[in-house]
Amino acid sequence: MDANEKTLNLFSTRVRQMILQFKETKTACQKLNEQVEEKNAQIKQLQEQLAQAQRDYDSLKMAKMIEITDGDIEGAKKRVQSLIRDVDKCITLLSGK
């Protein structure tokens, strides 16, 4: 083998190695892209869950506010009824004398 054949064989070997390395790198890149897509889908799903949880929280907060308001109304009604009874008692006492 002369120097040209050795150089040609070495060049050929290096090209095959580069081709193999390129294929491996391409495969690795595809796997990474798939992982990125999966993670993006997962992020989107988690963002949707977070948005739903926020809406649920807001709904519960509003329901609690309404519940408290209803409780205040009932308490106010009871106080008014008690005051009406007291006024009725006073009118009865004043009418009786």
C-alpha atoms as a PDB file:
ATOM      1  CA  MET A   1       0.000   0.000   0.000  1.00  0.00           C
ATOM      2  CA  ASP A   2       1.336   3.305  -0.891  1.00  0.00           C
ATOM      3  CA  ALA A   3       0.736   6.586   0.948  1.00  0.00           C
ATOM      4  CA  ASN A   4      -2.213   7.581  -1.252  1.00  0.00           C
ATOM      5  CA  GLU A   5      -4.089   4.345  -0.528  1.00  0.00           C
ATOM      6  CA  LYS A   6      -3.443   4.686   3.209  1.00  0.00           C
ATOM      7  CA  THR A   7      -4.641   8.277   3.133  1.00  0.00           C
ATOM      8  CA  LEU A   8      -7.694   7.269   1.106  1.00  0.00           C
ATOM      9  CA  ASN A   9      -8.488   4.402   3.503  1.00  0.00           C
ATOM     10  CA  LEU A  10      -8.023   6.687   6.505  1.00  0.00           C
ATOM     11  CA  PHE A  11     -10.246   9.324   4.893  1.00  0.00           C
ATOM     12  CA  SER A  12     -12.866   6.694   4.061  1.00  0.00           C
ATOM     13  CA  THR A  13     -12.777   5.366   7.624  1.00  0.00           C
ATOM     14  CA  ARG A  14     -13.144   8.892   9.063  1.00  0.00           C
ATOM     15  CA  VAL A  15     -16.081   9.616   6.761  1.00  0.00           C
ATOM     16  CA  ARG A  16     -17.833   6.399   7.861  1.00  0.00           C
ATOM     17  CA  GLN A  17     -17.184   7.316  11.505  1.00  0.00           C
ATOM     18  CA  MET A  18     -18.594  10.790  10.927  1.00  0.00           C
ATOM     19  CA  ILE A  19     -21.654   9.311   9.210  1.00  0.00           C
ATOM     20  CA  LEU A  20     -22.234   6.952  12.155  1.00  0.00           C
ATOM     21  CA  GLN A  21     -21.723   9.767  14.619  1.00  0.00           C
ATOM     22  CA  PHE A  22     -24.132  11.961  12.638  1.00  0.00           C
ATOM     23  CA  LYS A  23     -26.788   9.210  12.706  1.00  0.00           C
ATOM     24  CA  GLU A  24     -26.333   8.761  16.456  1.00  0.00           C
ATOM     25  CA  THR A  25     -26.525  12.503  17.004  1.00  0.00           C
ATOM     26  CA  LYS A  26     -29.600  12.755  14.795  1.00  0.00           C
ATOM     27  CA  THR A  27     -31.290   9.943  16.757  1.00  0.00           C
ATOM     28  CA  ALA A  28     -30.382  11.601  20.055  1.00  0.00           C
ATOM     29  CA  CYS A  29     -31.730  14.915  18.763  1.00  0.00           C
ATOM     30  CA  GLN A  30     -35.022  13.278  17.755  1.00  0.00           C
ATOM     31  CA  LYS A  31     -35.353  11.703  21.214  1.00  0.00           C
ATOM     32  CA  LEU A  32     -34.665  15.058  22.851  1.00  0.00           C
ATOM     33  CA  ASN A  33     -37.235  16.744  20.620  1.00  0.00           C
ATOM     34  CA  GLU A  34     -39.791  14.096  21.597  1.00  0.00           C
ATOM     35  CA  GLN A  35     -39.000  14.693  25.266  1.00  0.00           C
ATOM     36  CA  VAL A  36     -39.413  18.439  24.773  1.00  0.00           C
ATOM     37  CA  GLU A  37     -42.797  17.876  23.112  1.00  0.00           C
ATOM     38  CA  GLU A  38     -43.877  15.588  25.957  1.00  0.00           C
ATOM     39  CA  LYS A  39     -42.773  18.145  28.538  1.00  0.00           C
ATOM     40  CA  ASN A  40     -44.580  20.923  26.668  1.00  0.00           C
ATOM     41  CA  ALA A  41     -47.749  18.826  26.611  1.00  0.00           C
ATOM     42  CA  GLN A  42     -47.304  18.122  30.311  1.00  0.00           C
ATOM     43  CA  ILE A  43     -46.798  21.836  31.025  1.00  0.00           C
ATOM     44  CA  LYS A  44     -49.929  22.690  29.056  1.00  0.00           C
ATOM     45  CA  GLN A  45     -51.932  20.095  30.976  1.00  0.00           C
ATOM     46  CA  LEU A  46     -50.621  21.385  34.305  1.00  0.00           C
ATOM     47  CA  GLN A  47     -51.425  24.962  33.300  1.00  0.00           C
ATOM     48  CA  GLU A  48     -54.981  23.902  32.456  1.00  0.00           C
ATOM     49  CA  GLN A  49     -55.258  22.126  35.819  1.00  0.00           C
ATOM     50  CA  LEU A  50     -53.941  25.214  37.571  1.00  0.00           C
ATOM     51  CA  ALA A  51     -56.444  27.426  35.757  1.00  0.00           C
ATOM     52  CA  GLN A  52     -59.265  25.033  36.690  1.00  0.00           C
ATOM     53  CA  ALA A  53     -58.121  24.965  40.303  1.00  0.00           C
ATOM     54  CA  GLN A  54     -58.047  28.782  40.319  1.00  0.00           C
ATOM     55  CA  ARG A  55     -61.598  28.894  38.922  1.00  0.00           C
ATOM     56  CA  ASP A  56     -62.731  26.348  41.525  1.00  0.00           C
ATOM     57  CA  TYR A  57     -61.067  28.368  44.268  1.00  0.00           C
ATOM     58  CA  ASP A  58     -62.747  31.566  43.080  1.00  0.00           C
ATOM     59  CA  SER A  59     -66.114  29.782  42.978  1.00  0.00           C
ATOM     60  CA  LEU A  60     -65.656  28.424  46.486  1.00  0.00           C
ATOM     61  CA  LYS A  61     -64.572  31.826  47.732  1.00  0.00           C
ATOM     62  CA  MET A  62     -67.677  33.410  46.220  1.00  0.00           C
ATOM     63  CA  ALA A  63     -69.889  30.673  47.682  1.00  0.00           C
ATOM     64  CA  LYS A  64     -68.342  31.235  51.098  1.00  0.00           C
ATOM     65  CA  MET A  65     -68.957  34.971  50.809  1.00  0.00           C
ATOM     66  CA  ILE A  66     -72.593  34.319  49.886  1.00  0.00           C
ATOM     67  CA  GLU A  67     -72.899  31.851  52.752  1.00  0.00           C
ATOM     68  CA  ILE A  68     -71.559  34.414  55.207  1.00  0.00           C
ATOM     69  CA  THR A  69     -73.920  37.038  53.785  1.00  0.00           C
ATOM     70  CA  ASP A  70     -76.866  34.637  54.119  1.00  0.00           C
ATOM     71  CA  GLY A  71     -75.858  33.937  57.710  1.00  0.00           C
ATOM     72  CA  ASP A  72     -75.762  37.658  58.414  1.00  0.00           C
ATOM     73  CA  ILE A  73     -79.207  38.087  56.877  1.00  0.00           C
ATOM     74  CA  GLU A  74     -80.626  35.331  59.066  1.00  0.00           C
ATOM     75  CA  GLY A  75     -79.028  36.851  62.146  1.00  0.00           C
ATOM     76  CA  ALA A  76     -80.375  40.259  61.200  1.00  0.00           C
ATOM     77  CA  LYS A  77     -83.854  38.779  60.670  1.00  0.00           C
ATOM     78  CA  LYS A  78     -83.728  37.187  64.126  1.00  0.00           C
ATOM     79  CA  ARG A  79     -82.663  40.490  65.716  1.00  0.00           C
ATOM     80  CA  VAL A  80     -85.445  42.357  63.908  1.00  0.00           C
ATOM     81  CA  GLN A  81     -88.001  39.761  64.985  1.00  0.00           C
ATOM     82  CA  SER A  82     -86.756  40.049  68.559  1.00  0.00           C
ATOM     83  CA  LEU A  83     -87.054  43.843  68.387  1.00  0.00           C
ATOM     84  CA  ILE A  84     -90.575  43.532  66.951  1.00  0.00           C
ATOM     85  CA  ARG A  85     -91.567  41.233  69.846  1.00  0.00           C
ATOM     86  CA  ASP A  86     -90.120  43.727  72.317  1.00  0.00           C
ATOM     87  CA  VAL A  87     -92.076  46.580  70.689  1.00  0.00           C
ATOM     88  CA  ASP A  88     -95.234  44.445  70.698  1.00  0.00           C
ATOM     89  CA  LYS A  89     -94.743  43.755  74.424  1.00  0.00           C
ATOM     90  CA  CYS A  90     -94.286  47.433  75.092  1.00  0.00           C
ATOM     91  CA  ILE A  91     -97.435  48.308  73.093  1.00  0.00           C
ATOM     92  CA  THR A  92     -99.377  45.635  74.958  1.00  0.00           C
ATOM     93  CA  LEU A  93     -98.158  46.954  78.313  1.00  0.00           C
ATOM     94  CA  LEU A  94     -99.007  50.537  77.360  1.00  0.00           C
ATOM     95  CA  SER A  95    -102.437  49.531  75.973  1.00  0.00           C
ATOM     96  CA  GLY A  96    -103.283  47.604  79.090  1.00  0.00           C
ATOM     97  CA  LYS A  97    -102.768  50.530  81.444  1.00  0.00           C
END
